[in-house]
Amino acid sequence: MGGVATLLLLRHGRTTANASGGLAGRQPVELDDTGRAQAAAVGERLRGLPLAAVVTSPLIRCRQTLELAVPQASPTVDEGLIECGYGSWEGQPLKKLAKEPLWPVVQQHPSAAVFPEGESMAAMAARAVAAVRTWDARISAEHGPEAVWLACSHGDVIKAIVADALGVHLDLFQRIVADPASVTAIRYTPLRPFLVRLNDTGGDLAALVPPPRKRRRRATRSTDSDAAVGGGAGAPR
């Protein structure tokens, strides 16, 4: 599966709201001590990766995560990666929100969920997917098909992007997990996206850098595909 850029989706580290069981939304909550340690740890895993670009949600918890994880980078802010607009739900304890009539809709039929005074989950998913696909096409064009780039965002946003990559309906996205400071890797080929890593909180990321493409004498149309029948040989070790 060479010849395409690799997107690394990084969720921000744990925040004070995560730790207290609140819904931060777009409020300016910051990383707690655990979150700062998580950001530093993922920075060690990212060290040495040739990142062609770093893009981020404008919220401070994402920017703090990148300051610790990739201090040498100059992230570009993209509003398309911002947290879902939870409206009047923001700042509320999750245990209180679980009693709201909208809660089971969010859990079981999120494509129909519209938060009071806020955004719909469908709108969040559409603008986030559009953002990463636009960036991926741009980076591939500017830096070549072996480029690796990083986008720092939020749990529900990352889950929605993963659902799109898997070709599953938004109503199934609650089955996906994106922990704080986790890395998820996606490659968008001309035929389909591939989910390469999901919710990775400790694996070696160096293997995600695509090797240089080998020149082939002649490609046979019957076997030329981005999906290896039988599963393929995996990344070089």
C-alpha atoms as a PDB file:
ATOM      1  CA  MET A   1       0.000   0.000   0.000  1.00  0.00           C
ATOM      2  CA  GLY A   2       2.721   2.449  -0.990  1.00  0.00           C
ATOM      3  CA  GLY A   3       2.305   5.630  -2.945  1.00  0.00           C
ATOM      4  CA  VAL A   4      -0.049   7.479  -0.587  1.00  0.00           C
ATOM      5  CA  ALA A   5       0.440   9.878   2.299  1.00  0.00           C
ATOM      6  CA  THR A   6      -0.090   8.709   5.879  1.00  0.00           C
ATOM      7  CA  LEU A   7      -2.313  10.681   8.238  1.00  0.00           C
ATOM      8  CA  LEU A   8      -1.594  10.366  11.964  1.00  0.00           C
ATOM      9  CA  LEU A   9      -4.584  11.424  14.056  1.00  0.00           C
ATOM     10  CA  LEU A  10      -3.519  12.390  17.568  1.00  0.00           C
ATOM     11  CA  ARG A  11      -6.064  12.938  20.306  1.00  0.00           C
ATOM     12  CA  HIS A  12      -5.071  15.548  22.881  1.00  0.00           C
ATOM     13  CA  GLY A  13      -3.862  14.395  26.303  1.00  0.00           C
ATOM     14  CA  ARG A  14      -6.151  14.037  29.306  1.00  0.00           C
ATOM     15  CA  THR A  15      -7.733  17.261  30.538  1.00  0.00           C
ATOM     16  CA  THR A  16      -9.138  18.470  33.828  1.00  0.00           C
ATOM     17  CA  ALA A  17     -12.630  17.908  32.376  1.00  0.00           C
ATOM     18  CA  ASN A  18     -11.796  14.322  31.351  1.00  0.00           C
ATOM     19  CA  ALA A  19     -10.560  13.628  34.865  1.00  0.00           C
ATOM     20  CA  SER A  20     -13.639  15.112  36.568  1.00  0.00           C
ATOM     21  CA  GLY A  21     -16.195  13.479  34.264  1.00  0.00           C
ATOM     22  CA  GLY A  22     -17.340  16.664  32.552  1.00  0.00           C
ATOM     23  CA  LEU A  23     -18.078  17.460  28.913  1.00  0.00           C
ATOM     24  CA  ALA A  24     -15.549  20.114  27.925  1.00  0.00           C
ATOM     25  CA  GLY A  25     -16.793  20.820  24.426  1.00  0.00           C
ATOM     26  CA  ARG A  26     -15.213  24.012  23.148  1.00  0.00           C
ATOM     27  CA  GLN A  27     -14.425  25.410  26.568  1.00  0.00           C
ATOM     28  CA  PRO A  28     -10.764  26.350  27.178  1.00  0.00           C
ATOM     29  CA  VAL A  29      -9.971  23.430  29.467  1.00  0.00           C
ATOM     30  CA  GLU A  30      -6.293  22.530  29.740  1.00  0.00           C
ATOM     31  CA  LEU A  31      -4.251  19.367  30.153  1.00  0.00           C
ATOM     32  CA  ASP A  32      -3.880  18.025  33.669  1.00  0.00           C
ATOM     33  CA  ASP A  33      -0.622  16.496  34.959  1.00  0.00           C
ATOM     34  CA  THR A  34      -1.518  13.118  33.476  1.00  0.00           C
ATOM     35  CA  GLY A  35      -2.317  14.725  30.139  1.00  0.00           C
ATOM     36  CA  ARG A  36       0.999  16.557  30.055  1.00  0.00           C
ATOM     37  CA  ALA A  37       2.825  13.305  30.790  1.00  0.00           C
ATOM     38  CA  GLN A  38       0.859  11.574  28.017  1.00  0.00           C
ATOM     39  CA  ALA A  39       1.764  14.320  25.546  1.00  0.00           C
ATOM     40  CA  ALA A  40       5.446  14.067  26.426  1.00  0.00           C
ATOM     41  CA  ALA A  41       5.321  10.279  26.066  1.00  0.00           C
ATOM     42  CA  VAL A  42       3.702  10.377  22.639  1.00  0.00           C
ATOM     43  CA  GLY A  43       6.356  12.916  21.669  1.00  0.00           C
ATOM     44  CA  GLU A  44       9.005  10.271  22.293  1.00  0.00           C
ATOM     45  CA  ARG A  45       7.128   7.940  19.968  1.00  0.00           C
ATOM     46  CA  LEU A  46       6.852  10.629  17.297  1.00  0.00           C
ATOM     47  CA  ARG A  47      10.498  11.604  17.573  1.00  0.00           C
ATOM     48  CA  GLY A  48      12.328  11.071  14.312  1.00  0.00           C
ATOM     49  CA  LEU A  49       9.219  10.830  12.136  1.00  0.00           C
ATOM     50  CA  PRO A  50       9.534  13.147   9.118  1.00  0.00           C
ATOM     51  CA  LEU A  51       6.277  15.062   9.577  1.00  0.00           C
ATOM     52  CA  ALA A  52       5.444  16.991   6.424  1.00  0.00           C
ATOM     53  CA  ALA A  53       2.835  19.066   8.257  1.00  0.00           C
ATOM     54  CA  VAL A  54       1.186  19.402  11.661  1.00  0.00           C
ATOM     55  CA  VAL A  55      -2.419  20.592  11.793  1.00  0.00           C
ATOM     56  CA  THR A  56      -4.493  21.197  14.897  1.00  0.00           C
ATOM     57  CA  SER A  57      -7.840  22.059  16.358  1.00  0.00           C
ATOM     58  CA  PRO A  58      -7.750  25.627  17.690  1.00  0.00           C
ATOM     59  CA  LEU A  59      -8.588  24.558  21.258  1.00  0.00           C
ATOM     60  CA  ILE A  60      -5.872  24.991  23.871  1.00  0.00           C
ATOM     61  CA  ARG A  61      -5.759  21.338  24.933  1.00  0.00           C
ATOM     62  CA  CYS A  62      -4.673  20.332  21.437  1.00  0.00           C
ATOM     63  CA  ARG A  63      -2.144  23.129  21.178  1.00  0.00           C
ATOM     64  CA  GLN A  64      -0.698  22.219  24.598  1.00  0.00           C
ATOM     65  CA  THR A  65      -0.418  18.595  23.505  1.00  0.00           C
ATOM     66  CA  LEU A  66       1.559  19.561  20.404  1.00  0.00           C
ATOM     67  CA  GLU A  67       3.797  21.955  22.333  1.00  0.00           C
ATOM     68  CA  LEU A  68       4.913  18.990  24.437  1.00  0.00           C
ATOM     69  CA  ALA A  69       4.823  16.279  21.763  1.00  0.00           C
ATOM     70  CA  VAL A  70       6.360  18.077  18.778  1.00  0.00           C
ATOM     71  CA  PRO A  71       7.879  21.311  20.140  1.00  0.00           C
ATOM     72  CA  GLN A  72       9.864  21.821  16.947  1.00  0.00           C
ATOM     73  CA  ALA A  73       6.699  22.026  14.821  1.00  0.00           C
ATOM     74  CA  SER A  74       4.714  25.113  13.830  1.00  0.00           C
ATOM     75  CA  PRO A  75       1.154  23.759  13.757  1.00  0.00           C
ATOM     76  CA  THR A  76      -1.456  25.165  11.418  1.00  0.00           C
ATOM     77  CA  VAL A  77      -4.865  25.725  13.005  1.00  0.00           C
ATOM     78  CA  ASP A  78      -7.865  24.329  11.147  1.00  0.00           C
ATOM     79  CA  GLU A  79     -11.362  25.066  12.452  1.00  0.00           C
ATOM     80  CA  GLY A  80     -12.554  21.888  10.745  1.00  0.00           C
ATOM     81  CA  LEU A  81     -10.811  19.870  13.456  1.00  0.00           C
ATOM     82  CA  ILE A  82     -12.451  21.661  16.402  1.00  0.00           C
ATOM     83  CA  GLU A  83     -14.476  19.697  18.944  1.00  0.00           C
ATOM     84  CA  CYS A  84     -18.164  19.101  18.270  1.00  0.00           C
ATOM     85  CA  GLY A  85     -20.257  22.078  19.351  1.00  0.00           C
ATOM     86  CA  TYR A  86     -22.187  20.601  22.263  1.00  0.00           C
ATOM     87  CA  GLY A  87     -23.989  23.872  22.935  1.00  0.00           C
ATOM     88  CA  SER A  88     -25.666  24.080  26.344  1.00  0.00           C
ATOM     89  CA  TRP A  89     -24.293  20.631  27.201  1.00  0.00           C
ATOM     90  CA  GLU A  90     -20.776  22.028  27.493  1.00  0.00           C
ATOM     91  CA  GLY A  91     -19.392  22.110  31.008  1.00  0.00           C
ATOM     92  CA  GLN A  92     -22.054  19.741  32.330  1.00  0.00           C
ATOM     93  CA  PRO A  93     -21.237  16.506  34.207  1.00  0.00           C
ATOM     94  CA  LEU A  94     -21.712  13.431  32.032  1.00  0.00           C
ATOM     95  CA  LYS A  95     -23.720  11.714  34.767  1.00  0.00           C
ATOM     96  CA  LYS A  96     -26.234  14.575  34.589  1.00  0.00           C
ATOM     97  CA  LEU A  97     -26.332  14.567  30.789  1.00  0.00           C
ATOM     98  CA  ALA A  98     -27.024  10.817  30.809  1.00  0.00           C
ATOM     99  CA  LYS A  99     -30.499  11.642  32.148  1.00  0.00           C
ATOM    100  CA  GLU A 100     -31.335  13.924  29.213  1.00  0.00           C
ATOM    101  CA  PRO A 101     -33.790  12.642  26.540  1.00  0.00           C
ATOM    102  CA  LEU A 102     -31.131  13.339  23.890  1.00  0.00           C
ATOM    103  CA  TRP A 103     -28.593  11.027  25.536  1.00  0.00           C
ATOM    104  CA  PRO A 104     -29.888   7.731  24.051  1.00  0.00           C
ATOM    105  CA  VAL A 105     -30.043   9.412  20.637  1.00  0.00           C
ATOM    106  CA  VAL A 106     -26.385  10.387  20.932  1.00  0.00           C
ATOM    107  CA  GLN A 107     -25.539   6.828  21.940  1.00  0.00           C
ATOM    108  CA  GLN A 108     -27.674   4.876  19.471  1.00  0.00           C
ATOM    109  CA  HIS A 109     -28.576   7.224  16.598  1.00  0.00           C
ATOM    110  CA  PRO A 110     -25.899   9.953  16.606  1.00  0.00           C
ATOM    111  CA  SER A 111     -26.540  10.915  12.989  1.00  0.00           C
ATOM    112  CA  ALA A 112     -29.846  12.402  14.221  1.00  0.00           C
ATOM    113  CA  ALA A 113     -28.384  14.144  17.274  1.00  0.00           C
ATOM    114  CA  VAL A 114     -28.445  17.952  17.315  1.00  0.00           C
ATOM    115  CA  PHE A 115     -27.151  19.495  20.511  1.00  0.00           C
ATOM    116  CA  PRO A 116     -29.251  22.304  22.032  1.00  0.00           C
ATOM    117  CA  GLU A 117     -27.785  25.638  20.942  1.00  0.00           C
ATOM    118  CA  GLY A 118     -24.979  23.650  19.313  1.00  0.00           C
ATOM    119  CA  GLU A 119     -23.949  21.537  16.354  1.00  0.00           C
ATOM    120  CA  SER A 120     -25.288  18.303  14.931  1.00  0.00           C
ATOM    121  CA  MET A 121     -23.032  15.255  15.038  1.00  0.00           C
ATOM    122  CA  ALA A 122     -23.589  14.793  11.308  1.00  0.00           C
ATOM    123  CA  ALA A 123     -22.296  18.320  10.631  1.00  0.00           C
ATOM    124  CA  MET A 124     -19.286  17.688  12.862  1.00  0.00           C
ATOM    125  CA  ALA A 125     -18.452  14.503  10.982  1.00  0.00           C
ATOM    126  CA  ALA A 126     -18.850  16.123   7.554  1.00  0.00           C
ATOM    127  CA  ARG A 127     -16.593  19.106   8.229  1.00  0.00           C
ATOM    128  CA  ALA A 128     -13.922  16.994   9.999  1.00  0.00           C
ATOM    129  CA  VAL A 129     -13.749  14.438   7.188  1.00  0.00           C
ATOM    130  CA  ALA A 130     -13.632  17.232   4.604  1.00  0.00           C
ATOM    131  CA  ALA A 131     -10.791  18.890   6.507  1.00  0.00           C
ATOM    132  CA  VAL A 132      -8.525  15.850   6.694  1.00  0.00           C
ATOM    133  CA  ARG A 133      -9.215  14.727   3.139  1.00  0.00           C
ATOM    134  CA  THR A 134      -8.427  18.218   1.828  1.00  0.00           C
ATOM    135  CA  TRP A 135      -5.198  18.380   3.838  1.00  0.00           C
ATOM    136  CA  ASP A 136      -4.198  14.879   2.757  1.00  0.00           C
ATOM    137  CA  ALA A 137      -4.629  15.702  -0.923  1.00  0.00           C
ATOM    138  CA  ARG A 138      -2.672  18.946  -0.511  1.00  0.00           C
ATOM    139  CA  ILE A 139       0.189  17.309   1.385  1.00  0.00           C
ATOM    140  CA  SER A 140       0.412  14.454  -1.095  1.00  0.00           C
ATOM    141  CA  ALA A 141       0.636  16.961  -3.942  1.00  0.00           C
ATOM    142  CA  GLU A 142       3.235  19.158  -2.219  1.00  0.00           C
ATOM    143  CA  HIS A 143       5.385  16.579  -0.426  1.00  0.00           C
ATOM    144  CA  GLY A 144       4.978  13.399  -2.431  1.00  0.00           C
ATOM    145  CA  PRO A 145       3.101  10.179  -1.839  1.00  0.00           C
ATOM    146  CA  GLU A 146       5.333   8.956   0.992  1.00  0.00           C
ATOM    147  CA  ALA A 147       4.587  11.992   3.199  1.00  0.00           C
ATOM    148  CA  VAL A 148       3.542  11.554   6.834  1.00  0.00           C
ATOM    149  CA  TRP A 149       1.512  14.288   8.513  1.00  0.00           C
ATOM    150  CA  LEU A 150      -0.124  14.804  11.888  1.00  0.00           C
ATOM    151  CA  ALA A 151      -3.526  16.190  12.881  1.00  0.00           C
ATOM    152  CA  CYS A 152      -4.366  16.796  16.556  1.00  0.00           C
ATOM    153  CA  SER A 153      -8.053  16.758  17.419  1.00  0.00           C
ATOM    154  CA  HIS A 154     -10.720  15.385  19.769  1.00  0.00           C
ATOM    155  CA  GLY A 155     -12.300  12.047  20.592  1.00  0.00           C
ATOM    156  CA  ASP A 156     -15.626  12.317  18.770  1.00  0.00           C
ATOM    157  CA  VAL A 157     -13.976  14.042  15.814  1.00  0.00           C
ATOM    158  CA  ILE A 158     -11.402  11.271  15.429  1.00  0.00           C
ATOM    159  CA  LYS A 159     -14.066   8.588  15.803  1.00  0.00           C
ATOM    160  CA  ALA A 160     -16.106  10.216  13.038  1.00  0.00           C
ATOM    161  CA  ILE A 161     -13.074  10.334  10.713  1.00  0.00           C
ATOM    162  CA  VAL A 162     -12.353   6.663  11.439  1.00  0.00           C
ATOM    163  CA  ALA A 163     -15.971   5.707  10.747  1.00  0.00           C
ATOM    164  CA  ASP A 164     -15.734   7.401   7.364  1.00  0.00           C
ATOM    165  CA  ALA A 165     -12.472   5.602   6.603  1.00  0.00           C
ATOM    166  CA  LEU A 166     -14.057   2.267   7.478  1.00  0.00           C
ATOM    167  CA  GLY A 167     -17.114   3.028   5.359  1.00  0.00           C
ATOM    168  CA  VAL A 168     -19.475   2.581   8.289  1.00  0.00           C
ATOM    169  CA  HIS A 169     -22.478   4.728   9.130  1.00  0.00           C
ATOM    170  CA  LEU A 170     -22.085   7.465  11.722  1.00  0.00           C
ATOM    171  CA  ASP A 171     -24.625   5.608  13.850  1.00  0.00           C
ATOM    172  CA  LEU A 172     -21.929   2.991  14.496  1.00  0.00           C
ATOM    173  CA  PHE A 173     -19.157   5.392  15.468  1.00  0.00           C
ATOM    174  CA  GLN A 174     -19.716   4.916  19.202  1.00  0.00           C
ATOM    175  CA  ARG A 175     -18.148   1.461  18.764  1.00  0.00           C
ATOM    176  CA  ILE A 176     -14.801   3.161  18.027  1.00  0.00           C
ATOM    177  CA  VAL A 177     -12.401   4.169  20.811  1.00  0.00           C
ATOM    178  CA  ALA A 178      -9.922   7.069  20.743  1.00  0.00           C
ATOM    179  CA  ASP A 179      -8.169   7.419  24.101  1.00  0.00           C
ATOM    180  CA  PRO A 180      -6.294  10.541  25.217  1.00  0.00           C
ATOM    181  CA  ALA A 181      -2.906  10.873  23.483  1.00  0.00           C
ATOM    182  CA  SER A 182      -3.659   7.895  21.224  1.00  0.00           C
ATOM    183  CA  VAL A 183      -2.476   7.724  17.613  1.00  0.00           C
ATOM    184  CA  THR A 184      -4.658   6.511  14.749  1.00  0.00           C
ATOM    185  CA  ALA A 185      -3.217   6.140  11.246  1.00  0.00           C
ATOM    186  CA  ILE A 186      -5.162   6.343   7.973  1.00  0.00           C
ATOM    187  CA  ARG A 187      -4.044   6.203   4.344  1.00  0.00           C
ATOM    188  CA  TYR A 188      -6.328   7.558   1.622  1.00  0.00           C
ATOM    189  CA  THR A 189      -5.733   5.750  -1.653  1.00  0.00           C
ATOM    190  CA  PRO A 190      -7.493   6.574  -4.932  1.00  0.00           C
ATOM    191  CA  LEU A 191      -9.742   3.543  -4.406  1.00  0.00           C
ATOM    192  CA  ARG A 192     -10.511   3.667  -0.652  1.00  0.00           C
ATOM    193  CA  PRO A 193      -9.098   4.648   2.732  1.00  0.00           C
ATOM    194  CA  PHE A 194      -7.207   2.165   4.896  1.00  0.00           C
ATOM    195  CA  LEU A 195      -7.202   2.202   8.682  1.00  0.00           C
ATOM    196  CA  VAL A 196      -3.610   1.252   9.529  1.00  0.00           C
ATOM    197  CA  ARG A 197      -3.592   1.842  13.308  1.00  0.00           C
ATOM    198  CA  LEU A 198      -6.404   2.559  15.768  1.00  0.00           C
ATOM    199  CA  ASN A 199      -6.167   3.975  19.287  1.00  0.00           C
ATOM    200  CA  ASP A 200      -2.462   3.130  19.525  1.00  0.00           C
ATOM    201  CA  THR A 201      -1.092   4.243  22.887  1.00  0.00           C
ATOM    202  CA  GLY A 202       2.258   2.481  22.969  1.00  0.00           C
ATOM    203  CA  GLY A 203       3.362   0.903  19.716  1.00  0.00           C
ATOM    204  CA  ASP A 204       6.364   1.767  17.561  1.00  0.00           C
ATOM    205  CA  LEU A 205       5.345   4.476  15.102  1.00  0.00           C
ATOM    206  CA  ALA A 206       8.453   4.294  12.925  1.00  0.00           C
ATOM    207  CA  ALA A 207       6.938   1.450  10.923  1.00  0.00           C
ATOM    208  CA  LEU A 208       4.237   3.846   9.706  1.00  0.00           C
ATOM    209  CA  VAL A 209       6.730   5.722   7.533  1.00  0.00           C
ATOM    210  CA  PRO A 210       6.271   4.235   4.050  1.00  0.00           C
ATOM    211  CA  PRO A 211       9.434   2.853   2.417  1.00  0.00           C
ATOM    212  CA  PRO A 212      10.547   4.365  -0.907  1.00  0.00           C
ATOM    213  CA  ARG A 213       8.560   2.997  -3.806  1.00  0.00           C
ATOM    214  CA  LYS A 214      10.248   0.381  -5.941  1.00  0.00           C
ATOM    215  CA  ARG A 215      10.196   0.826  -9.676  1.00  0.00           C
ATOM    216  CA  ARG A 216       8.332  -1.969 -11.380  1.00  0.00           C
ATOM    217  CA  ARG A 217       9.096  -3.084 -14.916  1.00  0.00           C
ATOM    218  CA  ARG A 218       5.498  -3.733 -15.796  1.00  0.00           C
ATOM    219  CA  ALA A 219       2.255  -3.687 -13.815  1.00  0.00           C
ATOM    220  CA  THR A 220      -0.317  -6.322 -14.637  1.00  0.00           C
ATOM    221  CA  ARG A 221      -3.809  -4.911 -14.453  1.00  0.00           C
ATOM    222  CA  SER A 222      -5.256  -8.055 -12.845  1.00  0.00           C
ATOM    223  CA  THR A 223      -3.023  -7.809  -9.742  1.00  0.00           C
ATOM    224  CA  ASP A 224      -2.442  -4.044  -9.479  1.00  0.00           C
ATOM    225  CA  SER A 225      -4.415  -2.953  -6.414  1.00  0.00           C
ATOM    226  CA  ASP A 226      -4.012  -1.117  -3.149  1.00  0.00           C
ATOM    227  CA  ALA A 227      -5.356  -4.094  -1.166  1.00  0.00           C
ATOM    228  CA  ALA A 228      -3.113  -7.148  -0.827  1.00  0.00           C
ATOM    229  CA  VAL A 229      -5.002 -10.397  -1.228  1.00  0.00           C
ATOM    230  CA  GLY A 230      -4.207 -12.602   1.743  1.00  0.00           C
ATOM    231  CA  GLY A 231      -3.262  -9.686   3.959  1.00  0.00           C
ATOM    232  CA  GLY A 232       0.166  -8.773   2.606  1.00  0.00           C
ATOM    233  CA  ALA A 233       3.571  -8.884   4.302  1.00  0.00           C
ATOM    234  CA  GLY A 234       3.073  -5.865   6.560  1.00  0.00           C
ATOM    235  CA  ALA A 235       5.577  -3.113   7.300  1.00  0.00           C
ATOM    236  CA  PRO A 236       9.320  -3.849   7.227  1.00  0.00           C
ATOM    237  CA  ARG A 237      10.745  -4.772  10.652  1.00  0.00           C
END
